[in-house]
């Protein structure tokens, strides 16, 4: 699989605000995220992630950007309408799912 890149606005803890980032994928998984403002890089070690987290959960987290892009392409209006609610509730839903399955 080829390596790909995409740009996104994400919160940077170093800049303490929303900044543009470059997300690099390797074999359809997030490999590295770089803040375009300050240059801070976060690398994702796939072997470590797979070893320490539930496989299904990890796969869903790592493929979320691709799935969201496909959803936007299918129905941009529906995606934008549902996004505020999903952004607010997603951390709780992930927390609940992670702790309920232990």
PDB file of N, CA and C in Angstrom:
ATOM      1  N   UNK A   1       0.836  -1.188   0.000  1.00  0.00           N
ATOM      2  CA  UNK A   1       0.000   0.000   0.000  1.00  0.00           C
ATOM      3  C   UNK A   1       0.878   1.248   0.000  1.00  0.00           C
ATOM      4  N   UNK A   2       0.503   2.226  -0.761  1.00  0.00           N
ATOM      5  CA  UNK A   2       1.302   3.454  -0.798  1.00  0.00           C
ATOM      6  C   UNK A   2       1.096   4.296   0.453  1.00  0.00           C
ATOM      7  N   UNK A   3       2.078   5.118   0.732  1.00  0.00           N
ATOM      8  CA  UNK A   3       1.964   6.064   1.832  1.00  0.00           C
ATOM      9  C   UNK A   3       1.192   7.272   1.334  1.00  0.00           C
ATOM     10  N   UNK A   4       0.322   7.804   2.175  1.00  0.00           N
ATOM     11  CA  UNK A   4      -0.464   8.971   1.791  1.00  0.00           C
ATOM     12  C   UNK A   4      -0.386  10.020   2.882  1.00  0.00           C
ATOM     13  N   UNK A   5      -0.758  11.238   2.511  1.00  0.00           N
ATOM     14  CA  UNK A   5      -0.782  12.344   3.466  1.00  0.00           C
ATOM     15  C   UNK A   5      -2.104  13.081   3.316  1.00  0.00           C
ATOM     16  N   UNK A   6      -2.542  13.676   4.414  1.00  0.00           N
ATOM     17  CA  UNK A   6      -3.701  14.559   4.365  1.00  0.00           C
ATOM     18  C   UNK A   6      -3.471  15.677   5.374  1.00  0.00           C
ATOM     19  N   UNK A   7      -4.175  16.763   5.207  1.00  0.00           N
ATOM     20  CA  UNK A   7      -4.062  17.872   6.141  1.00  0.00           C
ATOM     21  C   UNK A   7      -5.355  17.986   6.929  1.00  0.00           C
ATOM     22  N   UNK A   8      -5.220  18.395   8.190  1.00  0.00           N
ATOM     23  CA  UNK A   8      -6.385  18.557   9.055  1.00  0.00           C
ATOM     24  C   UNK A   8      -6.067  19.616  10.103  1.00  0.00           C
ATOM     25  N   UNK A   9      -7.095  20.246  10.596  1.00  0.00           N
ATOM     26  CA  UNK A   9      -6.939  21.172  11.709  1.00  0.00           C
ATOM     27  C   UNK A   9      -7.185  20.384  12.986  1.00  0.00           C
ATOM     28  N   UNK A  10      -6.165  20.345  13.850  1.00  0.00           N
ATOM     29  CA  UNK A  10      -6.232  19.605  15.095  1.00  0.00           C
ATOM     30  C   UNK A  10      -5.746  20.486  16.231  1.00  0.00           C
ATOM     31  N   UNK A  11      -6.055  20.094  17.462  1.00  0.00           N
ATOM     32  CA  UNK A  11      -5.558  20.827  18.621  1.00  0.00           C
ATOM     33  C   UNK A  11      -4.122  20.404  18.882  1.00  0.00           C
ATOM     34  N   UNK A  12      -3.224  21.388  18.983  1.00  0.00           N
ATOM     35  CA  UNK A  12      -1.822  21.120  19.286  1.00  0.00           C
ATOM     36  C   UNK A  12      -1.556  21.512  20.731  1.00  0.00           C
ATOM     37  N   UNK A  13      -1.088  20.559  21.544  1.00  0.00           N
ATOM     38  CA  UNK A  13      -0.842  20.873  22.953  1.00  0.00           C
ATOM     39  C   UNK A  13       0.362  21.791  23.110  1.00  0.00           C
ATOM     40  N   UNK A  14       1.283  21.757  22.167  1.00  0.00           N
ATOM     41  CA  UNK A  14       2.454  22.636  22.234  1.00  0.00           C
ATOM     42  C   UNK A  14       2.064  24.076  21.902  1.00  0.00           C
ATOM     43  N   UNK A  15       1.238  24.263  20.880  1.00  0.00           N
ATOM     44  CA  UNK A  15       0.782  25.608  20.480  1.00  0.00           C
ATOM     45  C   UNK A  15      -0.394  26.087  21.335  1.00  0.00           C
ATOM     46  N   UNK A  16      -1.035  25.157  22.039  1.00  0.00           N
ATOM     47  CA  UNK A  16      -2.208  25.429  22.859  1.00  0.00           C
ATOM     48  C   UNK A  16      -3.364  26.023  22.046  1.00  0.00           C
ATOM     49  N   UNK A  17      -3.617  25.401  20.895  1.00  0.00           N
ATOM     50  CA  UNK A  17      -4.714  25.855  20.058  1.00  0.00           C
ATOM     51  C   UNK A  17      -4.854  24.993  18.820  1.00  0.00           C
ATOM     52  N   UNK A  18      -5.888  25.275  18.053  1.00  0.00           N
ATOM     53  CA  UNK A  18      -6.126  24.551  16.807  1.00  0.00           C
ATOM     54  C   UNK A  18      -5.156  25.051  15.742  1.00  0.00           C
ATOM     55  N   UNK A  19      -4.433  24.125  15.135  1.00  0.00           N
ATOM     56  CA  UNK A  19      -3.469  24.463  14.081  1.00  0.00           C
ATOM     57  C   UNK A  19      -3.578  23.440  12.962  1.00  0.00           C
ATOM     58  N   UNK A  20      -3.018  23.779  11.818  1.00  0.00           N
ATOM     59  CA  UNK A  20      -2.990  22.844  10.700  1.00  0.00           C
ATOM     60  C   UNK A  20      -1.939  21.777  10.964  1.00  0.00           C
ATOM     61  N   UNK A  21      -2.284  20.547  10.645  1.00  0.00           N
ATOM     62  CA  UNK A  21      -1.393  19.405  10.832  1.00  0.00           C
ATOM     63  C   UNK A  21      -1.321  18.608   9.537  1.00  0.00           C
ATOM     64  N   UNK A  22      -0.243  17.866   9.363  1.00  0.00           N
ATOM     65  CA  UNK A  22      -0.114  16.899   8.279  1.00  0.00           C
ATOM     66  C   UNK A  22      -0.189  15.517   8.922  1.00  0.00           C
ATOM     67  N   UNK A  23      -1.102  14.692   8.433  1.00  0.00           N
ATOM     68  CA  UNK A  23      -1.262  13.327   8.923  1.00  0.00           C
ATOM     69  C   UNK A  23      -0.722  12.396   7.845  1.00  0.00           C
ATOM     70  N   UNK A  24       0.270  11.609   8.211  1.00  0.00           N
ATOM     71  CA  UNK A  24       0.872  10.665   7.278  1.00  0.00           C
ATOM     72  C   UNK A  24       0.370   9.256   7.587  1.00  0.00           C
ATOM     73  N   UNK A  25      -0.042   8.573   6.528  1.00  0.00           N
ATOM     74  CA  UNK A  25      -0.512   7.197   6.655  1.00  0.00           C
ATOM     75  C   UNK A  25       0.523   6.263   6.057  1.00  0.00           C
ATOM     76  N   UNK A  26       0.643   5.103   6.649  1.00  0.00           N
ATOM     77  CA  UNK A  26       1.508   4.052   6.135  1.00  0.00           C
ATOM     78  C   UNK A  26       0.700   2.770   6.202  1.00  0.00           C
ATOM     79  N   UNK A  27       0.469   2.148   5.073  1.00  0.00           N
ATOM     80  CA  UNK A  27      -0.346   0.923   5.005  1.00  0.00           C
ATOM     81  C   UNK A  27      -1.723   1.127   5.617  1.00  0.00           C
ATOM     82  N   UNK A  28      -2.354   2.246   5.300  1.00  0.00           N
ATOM     83  CA  UNK A  28      -3.716   2.576   5.754  1.00  0.00           C
ATOM     84  C   UNK A  28      -3.831   2.824   7.252  1.00  0.00           C
ATOM     85  N   UNK A  29      -2.726   3.073   7.927  1.00  0.00           N
ATOM     86  CA  UNK A  29      -2.750   3.394   9.349  1.00  0.00           C
ATOM     87  C   UNK A  29      -2.018   4.711   9.574  1.00  0.00           C
ATOM     88  N   UNK A  30      -2.459   5.455  10.571  1.00  0.00           N
ATOM     89  CA  UNK A  30      -1.781   6.705  10.893  1.00  0.00           C
ATOM     90  C   UNK A  30      -0.368   6.366  11.366  1.00  0.00           C
ATOM     91  N   UNK A  31       0.609   6.985  10.718  1.00  0.00           N
ATOM     92  CA  UNK A  31       2.010   6.744  11.052  1.00  0.00           C
ATOM     93  C   UNK A  31       2.607   7.923  11.826  1.00  0.00           C
ATOM     94  N   UNK A  32       2.243   9.142  11.409  1.00  0.00           N
ATOM     95  CA  UNK A  32       2.833  10.325  12.034  1.00  0.00           C
ATOM     96  C   UNK A  32       1.903  11.519  11.846  1.00  0.00           C
ATOM     97  N   UNK A  33       1.849  12.376  12.872  1.00  0.00           N
ATOM     98  CA  UNK A  33       1.077  13.610  12.802  1.00  0.00           C
ATOM     99  C   UNK A  33       2.034  14.747  13.137  1.00  0.00           C
ATOM    100  N   UNK A  34       2.089  15.756  12.266  1.00  0.00           N
ATOM    101  CA  UNK A  34       3.027  16.863  12.447  1.00  0.00           C
ATOM    102  C   UNK A  34       2.285  18.184  12.434  1.00  0.00           C
ATOM    103  N   UNK A  35       2.524  19.018  13.442  1.00  0.00           N
ATOM    104  CA  UNK A  35       1.948  20.359  13.492  1.00  0.00           C
ATOM    105  C   UNK A  35       2.713  21.245  12.514  1.00  0.00           C
ATOM    106  N   UNK A  36       1.995  21.894  11.609  1.00  0.00           N
ATOM    107  CA  UNK A  36       2.644  22.757  10.633  1.00  0.00           C
ATOM    108  C   UNK A  36       3.084  24.088  11.244  1.00  0.00           C
ATOM    109  N   UNK A  37       2.556  24.415  12.419  1.00  0.00           N
ATOM    110  CA  UNK A  37       2.909  25.674  13.068  1.00  0.00           C
ATOM    111  C   UNK A  37       4.210  25.560  13.855  1.00  0.00           C
ATOM    112  N   UNK A  38       4.312  24.553  14.725  1.00  0.00           N
ATOM    113  CA  UNK A  38       5.491  24.435  15.597  1.00  0.00           C
ATOM    114  C   UNK A  38       6.413  23.284  15.217  1.00  0.00           C
ATOM    115  N   UNK A  39       5.956  22.381  14.362  1.00  0.00           N
ATOM    116  CA  UNK A  39       6.789  21.272  13.918  1.00  0.00           C
ATOM    117  C   UNK A  39       6.805  20.057  14.829  1.00  0.00           C
ATOM    118  N   UNK A  40       6.058  20.076  15.916  1.00  0.00           N
ATOM    119  CA  UNK A  40       6.025  18.922  16.818  1.00  0.00           C
ATOM    120  C   UNK A  40       5.434  17.724  16.079  1.00  0.00           C
ATOM    121  N   UNK A  41       6.117  16.581  16.198  1.00  0.00           N
ATOM    122  CA  UNK A  41       5.690  15.358  15.541  1.00  0.00           C
ATOM    123  C   UNK A  41       5.265  14.318  16.560  1.00  0.00           C
ATOM    124  N   UNK A  42       4.204  13.631  16.239  1.00  0.00           N
ATOM    125  CA  UNK A  42       3.766  12.494  17.037  1.00  0.00           C
ATOM    126  C   UNK A  42       3.803  11.285  16.112  1.00  0.00           C
ATOM    127  N   UNK A  43       4.614  10.310  16.487  1.00  0.00           N
ATOM    128  CA  UNK A  43       4.708   9.089  15.690  1.00  0.00           C
ATOM    129  C   UNK A  43       3.930   7.985  16.390  1.00  0.00           C
ATOM    130  N   UNK A  44       3.248   7.191  15.604  1.00  0.00           N
ATOM    131  CA  UNK A  44       2.433   6.103  16.132  1.00  0.00           C
ATOM    132  C   UNK A  44       3.160   4.788  15.863  1.00  0.00           C
ATOM    133  N   UNK A  45       3.505   4.097  16.926  1.00  0.00           N
ATOM    134  CA  UNK A  45       4.161   2.794  16.815  1.00  0.00           C
ATOM    135  C   UNK A  45       3.073   1.724  16.757  1.00  0.00           C
ATOM    136  N   UNK A  46       2.781   1.237  15.570  1.00  0.00           N
ATOM    137  CA  UNK A  46       1.692   0.279  15.373  1.00  0.00           C
ATOM    138  C   UNK A  46       1.907  -1.004  16.180  1.00  0.00           C
ATOM    139  N   UNK A  47       3.137  -1.464  16.286  1.00  0.00           N
ATOM    140  CA  UNK A  47       3.405  -2.689  17.049  1.00  0.00           C
ATOM    141  C   UNK A  47       3.059  -2.502  18.524  1.00  0.00           C
ATOM    142  N   UNK A  48       3.442  -1.360  19.085  1.00  0.00           N
ATOM    143  CA  UNK A  48       3.137  -1.075  20.494  1.00  0.00           C
ATOM    144  C   UNK A  48       1.626  -0.979  20.702  1.00  0.00           C
ATOM    145  N   UNK A  49       0.962  -0.277  19.814  1.00  0.00           N
ATOM    146  CA  UNK A  49      -0.492  -0.096  19.934  1.00  0.00           C
ATOM    147  C   UNK A  49      -1.190  -1.447  19.893  1.00  0.00           C
ATOM    148  N   UNK A  50      -0.832  -2.265  18.943  1.00  0.00           N
ATOM    149  CA  UNK A  50      -1.470  -3.574  18.807  1.00  0.00           C
ATOM    150  C   UNK A  50      -1.193  -4.475  20.015  1.00  0.00           C
ATOM    151  N   UNK A  51      -0.018  -4.337  20.584  1.00  0.00           N
ATOM    152  CA  UNK A  51       0.371  -5.165  21.713  1.00  0.00           C
ATOM    153  C   UNK A  51      -0.358  -4.777  23.003  1.00  0.00           C
ATOM    154  N   UNK A  52      -0.673  -3.495  23.172  1.00  0.00           N
ATOM    155  CA  UNK A  52      -1.199  -3.013  24.441  1.00  0.00           C
ATOM    156  C   UNK A  52      -2.689  -2.651  24.450  1.00  0.00           C
ATOM    157  N   UNK A  53      -3.327  -2.669  23.312  1.00  0.00           N
ATOM    158  CA  UNK A  53      -4.736  -2.294  23.262  1.00  0.00           C
ATOM    159  C   UNK A  53      -5.531  -3.350  22.519  1.00  0.00           C
ATOM    160  N   UNK A  54      -6.817  -3.371  22.779  1.00  0.00           N
ATOM    161  CA  UNK A  54      -7.680  -4.340  22.126  1.00  0.00           C
ATOM    162  C   UNK A  54      -7.661  -4.106  20.619  1.00  0.00           C
ATOM    163  N   UNK A  55      -7.471  -5.175  19.880  1.00  0.00           N
ATOM    164  CA  UNK A  55      -7.291  -5.093  18.434  1.00  0.00           C
ATOM    165  C   UNK A  55      -8.446  -4.386  17.725  1.00  0.00           C
ATOM    166  N   UNK A  56      -9.669  -4.739  18.046  1.00  0.00           N
ATOM    167  CA  UNK A  56     -10.832  -4.134  17.385  1.00  0.00           C
ATOM    168  C   UNK A  56     -10.896  -2.639  17.666  1.00  0.00           C
ATOM    169  N   UNK A  57     -10.668  -2.257  18.911  1.00  0.00           N
ATOM    170  CA  UNK A  57     -10.709  -0.851  19.316  1.00  0.00           C
ATOM    171  C   UNK A  57      -9.628  -0.057  18.584  1.00  0.00           C
ATOM    172  N   UNK A  58      -8.435  -0.600  18.538  1.00  0.00           N
ATOM    173  CA  UNK A  58      -7.315   0.064  17.877  1.00  0.00           C
ATOM    174  C   UNK A  58      -7.611   0.243  16.395  1.00  0.00           C
ATOM    175  N   UNK A  59      -8.097  -0.792  15.755  1.00  0.00           N
ATOM    176  CA  UNK A  59      -8.410  -0.715  14.333  1.00  0.00           C
ATOM    177  C   UNK A  59      -9.432   0.386  14.062  1.00  0.00           C
ATOM    178  N   UNK A  60     -10.445   0.478  14.879  1.00  0.00           N
ATOM    179  CA  UNK A  60     -11.471   1.510  14.696  1.00  0.00           C
ATOM    180  C   UNK A  60     -10.897   2.915  14.887  1.00  0.00           C
ATOM    181  N   UNK A  61     -10.050   3.094  15.883  1.00  0.00           N
ATOM    182  CA  UNK A  61      -9.450   4.410  16.125  1.00  0.00           C
ATOM    183  C   UNK A  61      -8.547   4.816  14.963  1.00  0.00           C
ATOM    184  N   UNK A  62      -7.711   3.883  14.520  1.00  0.00           N
ATOM    185  CA  UNK A  62      -6.749   4.210  13.475  1.00  0.00           C
ATOM    186  C   UNK A  62      -7.383   4.416  12.108  1.00  0.00           C
ATOM    187  N   UNK A  63      -8.548   3.815  11.876  1.00  0.00           N
ATOM    188  CA  UNK A  63      -9.214   3.978  10.581  1.00  0.00           C
ATOM    189  C   UNK A  63     -10.295   5.044  10.603  1.00  0.00           C
ATOM    190  N   UNK A  64     -10.496   5.702  11.743  1.00  0.00           N
ATOM    191  CA  UNK A  64     -11.556   6.707  11.871  1.00  0.00           C
ATOM    192  C   UNK A  64     -11.436   7.831  10.831  1.00  0.00           C
ATOM    193  N   UNK A  65     -10.263   8.400  10.595  1.00  0.00           N
ATOM    194  CA  UNK A  65     -10.190   9.476   9.595  1.00  0.00           C
ATOM    195  C   UNK A  65     -10.648   9.036   8.204  1.00  0.00           C
ATOM    196  N   UNK A  66     -10.291   7.841   7.808  1.00  0.00           N
ATOM    197  CA  UNK A  66     -10.708   7.333   6.502  1.00  0.00           C
ATOM    198  C   UNK A  66     -12.216   7.149   6.456  1.00  0.00           C
ATOM    199  N   UNK A  67     -12.780   6.590   7.523  1.00  0.00           N
ATOM    200  CA  UNK A  67     -14.231   6.366   7.561  1.00  0.00           C
ATOM    201  C   UNK A  67     -14.994   7.687   7.568  1.00  0.00           C
ATOM    202  N   UNK A  68     -14.477   8.682   8.280  1.00  0.00           N
ATOM    203  CA  UNK A  68     -15.143   9.993   8.304  1.00  0.00           C
ATOM    204  C   UNK A  68     -15.086  10.666   6.937  1.00  0.00           C
ATOM    205  N   UNK A  69     -13.968  10.530   6.246  1.00  0.00           N
ATOM    206  CA  UNK A  69     -13.847  11.100   4.901  1.00  0.00           C
ATOM    207  C   UNK A  69     -14.862  10.474   3.961  1.00  0.00           C
ATOM    208  N   UNK A  70     -15.005   9.163   4.022  1.00  0.00           N
ATOM    209  CA  UNK A  70     -15.996   8.483   3.174  1.00  0.00           C
ATOM    210  C   UNK A  70     -17.414   8.944   3.508  1.00  0.00           C
ATOM    211  N   UNK A  71     -17.689   9.103   4.790  1.00  0.00           N
ATOM    212  CA  UNK A  71     -19.013   9.564   5.219  1.00  0.00           C
ATOM    213  C   UNK A  71     -19.290  10.969   4.682  1.00  0.00           C
ATOM    214  N   UNK A  72     -18.291  11.840   4.746  1.00  0.00           N
ATOM    215  CA  UNK A  72     -18.452  13.211   4.215  1.00  0.00           C
ATOM    216  C   UNK A  72     -18.724  13.182   2.718  1.00  0.00           C
ATOM    217  N   UNK A  73     -18.019  12.322   2.011  1.00  0.00           N
ATOM    218  CA  UNK A  73     -18.190  12.235   0.559  1.00  0.00           C
ATOM    219  C   UNK A  73     -19.583  11.735   0.191  1.00  0.00           C
ATOM    220  N   UNK A  74     -20.146  10.831   1.000  1.00  0.00           N
ATOM    221  CA  UNK A  74     -21.482  10.294   0.717  1.00  0.00           C
ATOM    222  C   UNK A  74     -22.588  11.293   1.013  1.00  0.00           C
ATOM    223  N   UNK A  75     -22.481  12.016   2.148  1.00  0.00           N
ATOM    224  CA  UNK A  75     -23.567  12.905   2.572  1.00  0.00           C
ATOM    225  C   UNK A  75     -22.998  14.052   3.406  1.00  0.00           C
ATOM    226  N   UNK A  76     -22.516  15.079   2.734  1.00  0.00           N
ATOM    227  CA  UNK A  76     -21.859  16.188   3.429  1.00  0.00           C
ATOM    228  C   UNK A  76     -22.813  16.892   4.388  1.00  0.00           C
ATOM    229  N   UNK A  77     -24.043  17.157   3.972  1.00  0.00           N
ATOM    230  CA  UNK A  77     -24.996  17.858   4.830  1.00  0.00           C
ATOM    231  C   UNK A  77     -25.303  17.055   6.090  1.00  0.00           C
ATOM    232  N   UNK A  78     -25.601  15.788   5.943  1.00  0.00           N
ATOM    233  CA  UNK A  78     -25.883  14.941   7.099  1.00  0.00           C
ATOM    234  C   UNK A  78     -24.689  14.846   8.029  1.00  0.00           C
ATOM    235  N   UNK A  79     -23.513  14.752   7.445  1.00  0.00           N
ATOM    236  CA  UNK A  79     -22.289  14.687   8.235  1.00  0.00           C
ATOM    237  C   UNK A  79     -22.118  15.963   9.061  1.00  0.00           C
ATOM    238  N   UNK A  80     -22.268  17.121   8.423  1.00  0.00           N
ATOM    239  CA  UNK A  80     -22.082  18.393   9.119  1.00  0.00           C
ATOM    240  C   UNK A  80     -23.138  18.628  10.198  1.00  0.00           C
ATOM    241  N   UNK A  81     -24.359  18.181   9.944  1.00  0.00           N
ATOM    242  CA  UNK A  81     -25.433  18.345  10.939  1.00  0.00           C
ATOM    243  C   UNK A  81     -25.144  17.495  12.184  1.00  0.00           C
ATOM    244  N   UNK A  82     -24.644  16.286  11.979  1.00  0.00           N
ATOM    245  CA  UNK A  82     -24.414  15.381  13.114  1.00  0.00           C
ATOM    246  C   UNK A  82     -23.087  15.635  13.830  1.00  0.00           C
ATOM    247  N   UNK A  83     -22.168  16.346  13.204  1.00  0.00           N
ATOM    248  CA  UNK A  83     -20.825  16.499  13.745  1.00  0.00           C
ATOM    249  C   UNK A  83     -20.763  17.150  15.131  1.00  0.00           C
ATOM    250  N   UNK A  84     -21.448  18.258  15.386  1.00  0.00           N
ATOM    251  CA  UNK A  84     -21.336  18.863  16.726  1.00  0.00           C
ATOM    252  C   UNK A  84     -21.734  17.903  17.853  1.00  0.00           C
ATOM    253  N   UNK A  85     -22.814  17.186  17.680  1.00  0.00           N
ATOM    254  CA  UNK A  85     -23.255  16.224  18.693  1.00  0.00           C
ATOM    255  C   UNK A  85     -22.226  15.118  18.874  1.00  0.00           C
ATOM    256  N   UNK A  86     -21.710  14.613  17.764  1.00  0.00           N
ATOM    257  CA  UNK A  86     -20.742  13.525  17.824  1.00  0.00           C
ATOM    258  C   UNK A  86     -19.444  13.958  18.493  1.00  0.00           C
ATOM    259  N   UNK A  87     -19.010  15.174  18.217  1.00  0.00           N
ATOM    260  CA  UNK A  87     -17.765  15.668  18.822  1.00  0.00           C
ATOM    261  C   UNK A  87     -17.906  15.776  20.336  1.00  0.00           C
ATOM    262  N   UNK A  88     -19.068  16.214  20.782  1.00  0.00           N
ATOM    263  CA  UNK A  88     -19.302  16.374  22.215  1.00  0.00           C
ATOM    264  C   UNK A  88     -19.441  15.023  22.916  1.00  0.00           C
ATOM    265  N   UNK A  89     -20.104  14.077  22.292  1.00  0.00           N
ATOM    266  CA  UNK A  89     -20.395  12.804  22.962  1.00  0.00           C
ATOM    267  C   UNK A  89     -19.344  11.717  22.730  1.00  0.00           C
ATOM    268  N   UNK A  90     -18.508  11.846  21.731  1.00  0.00           N
ATOM    269  CA  UNK A  90     -17.568  10.774  21.389  1.00  0.00           C
ATOM    270  C   UNK A  90     -16.607  10.412  22.522  1.00  0.00           C
ATOM    271  N   UNK A  91     -15.997  11.385  23.212  1.00  0.00           N
ATOM    272  CA  UNK A  91     -15.090  10.978  24.306  1.00  0.00           C
ATOM    273  C   UNK A  91     -15.777  10.103  25.354  1.00  0.00           C
ATOM    274  N   UNK A  92     -16.999  10.437  25.714  1.00  0.00           N
ATOM    275  CA  UNK A  92     -17.729   9.630  26.696  1.00  0.00           C
ATOM    276  C   UNK A  92     -18.036   8.240  26.139  1.00  0.00           C
ATOM    277  N   UNK A  93     -18.471   8.187  24.880  1.00  0.00           N
ATOM    278  CA  UNK A  93     -18.807   6.893  24.280  1.00  0.00           C
ATOM    279  C   UNK A  93     -17.588   5.982  24.195  1.00  0.00           C
ATOM    280  N   UNK A  94     -16.438   6.538  23.848  1.00  0.00           N
ATOM    281  CA  UNK A  94     -15.214   5.745  23.780  1.00  0.00           C
ATOM    282  C   UNK A  94     -14.811   5.272  25.169  1.00  0.00           C
ATOM    283  N   UNK A  95     -14.859   6.162  26.142  1.00  0.00           N
ATOM    284  CA  UNK A  95     -14.526   5.811  27.527  1.00  0.00           C
ATOM    285  C   UNK A  95     -15.423   4.679  28.021  1.00  0.00           C
ATOM    286  N   UNK A  96     -16.725   4.828  27.804  1.00  0.00           N
ATOM    287  CA  UNK A  96     -17.690   3.830  28.262  1.00  0.00           C
ATOM    288  C   UNK A  96     -17.440   2.480  27.578  1.00  0.00           C
ATOM    289  N   UNK A  97     -17.238   2.504  26.285  1.00  0.00           N
ATOM    290  CA  UNK A  97     -17.000   1.253  25.558  1.00  0.00           C
ATOM    291  C   UNK A  97     -15.712   0.577  26.035  1.00  0.00           C
ATOM    292  N   UNK A  98     -14.679   1.341  26.216  1.00  0.00           N
ATOM    293  CA  UNK A  98     -13.394   0.786  26.629  1.00  0.00           C
ATOM    294  C   UNK A  98     -13.495   0.143  28.007  1.00  0.00           C
ATOM    295  N   UNK A  99     -14.175   0.815  28.941  1.00  0.00           N
ATOM    296  CA  UNK A  99     -14.256   0.305  30.306  1.00  0.00           C
ATOM    297  C   UNK A  99     -15.318  -0.784  30.471  1.00  0.00           C
ATOM    298  N   UNK A 100     -16.343  -0.786  29.652  1.00  0.00           N
ATOM    299  CA  UNK A 100     -17.377  -1.827  29.718  1.00  0.00           C
ATOM    300  C   UNK A 100     -16.859  -3.173  29.217  1.00  0.00           C
ATOM    301  N   UNK A 101     -15.848  -3.168  28.351  1.00  0.00           N
ATOM    302  CA  UNK A 101     -15.351  -4.406  27.748  1.00  0.00           C
ATOM    303  C   UNK A 101     -14.180  -5.010  28.508  1.00  0.00           C
ATOM    304  N   UNK A 102     -13.747  -4.400  29.593  1.00  0.00           N
ATOM    305  CA  UNK A 102     -12.598  -4.931  30.336  1.00  0.00           C
ATOM    306  C   UNK A 102     -12.925  -6.236  31.012  1.00  0.00           C
TER     307      UNK A 102
END
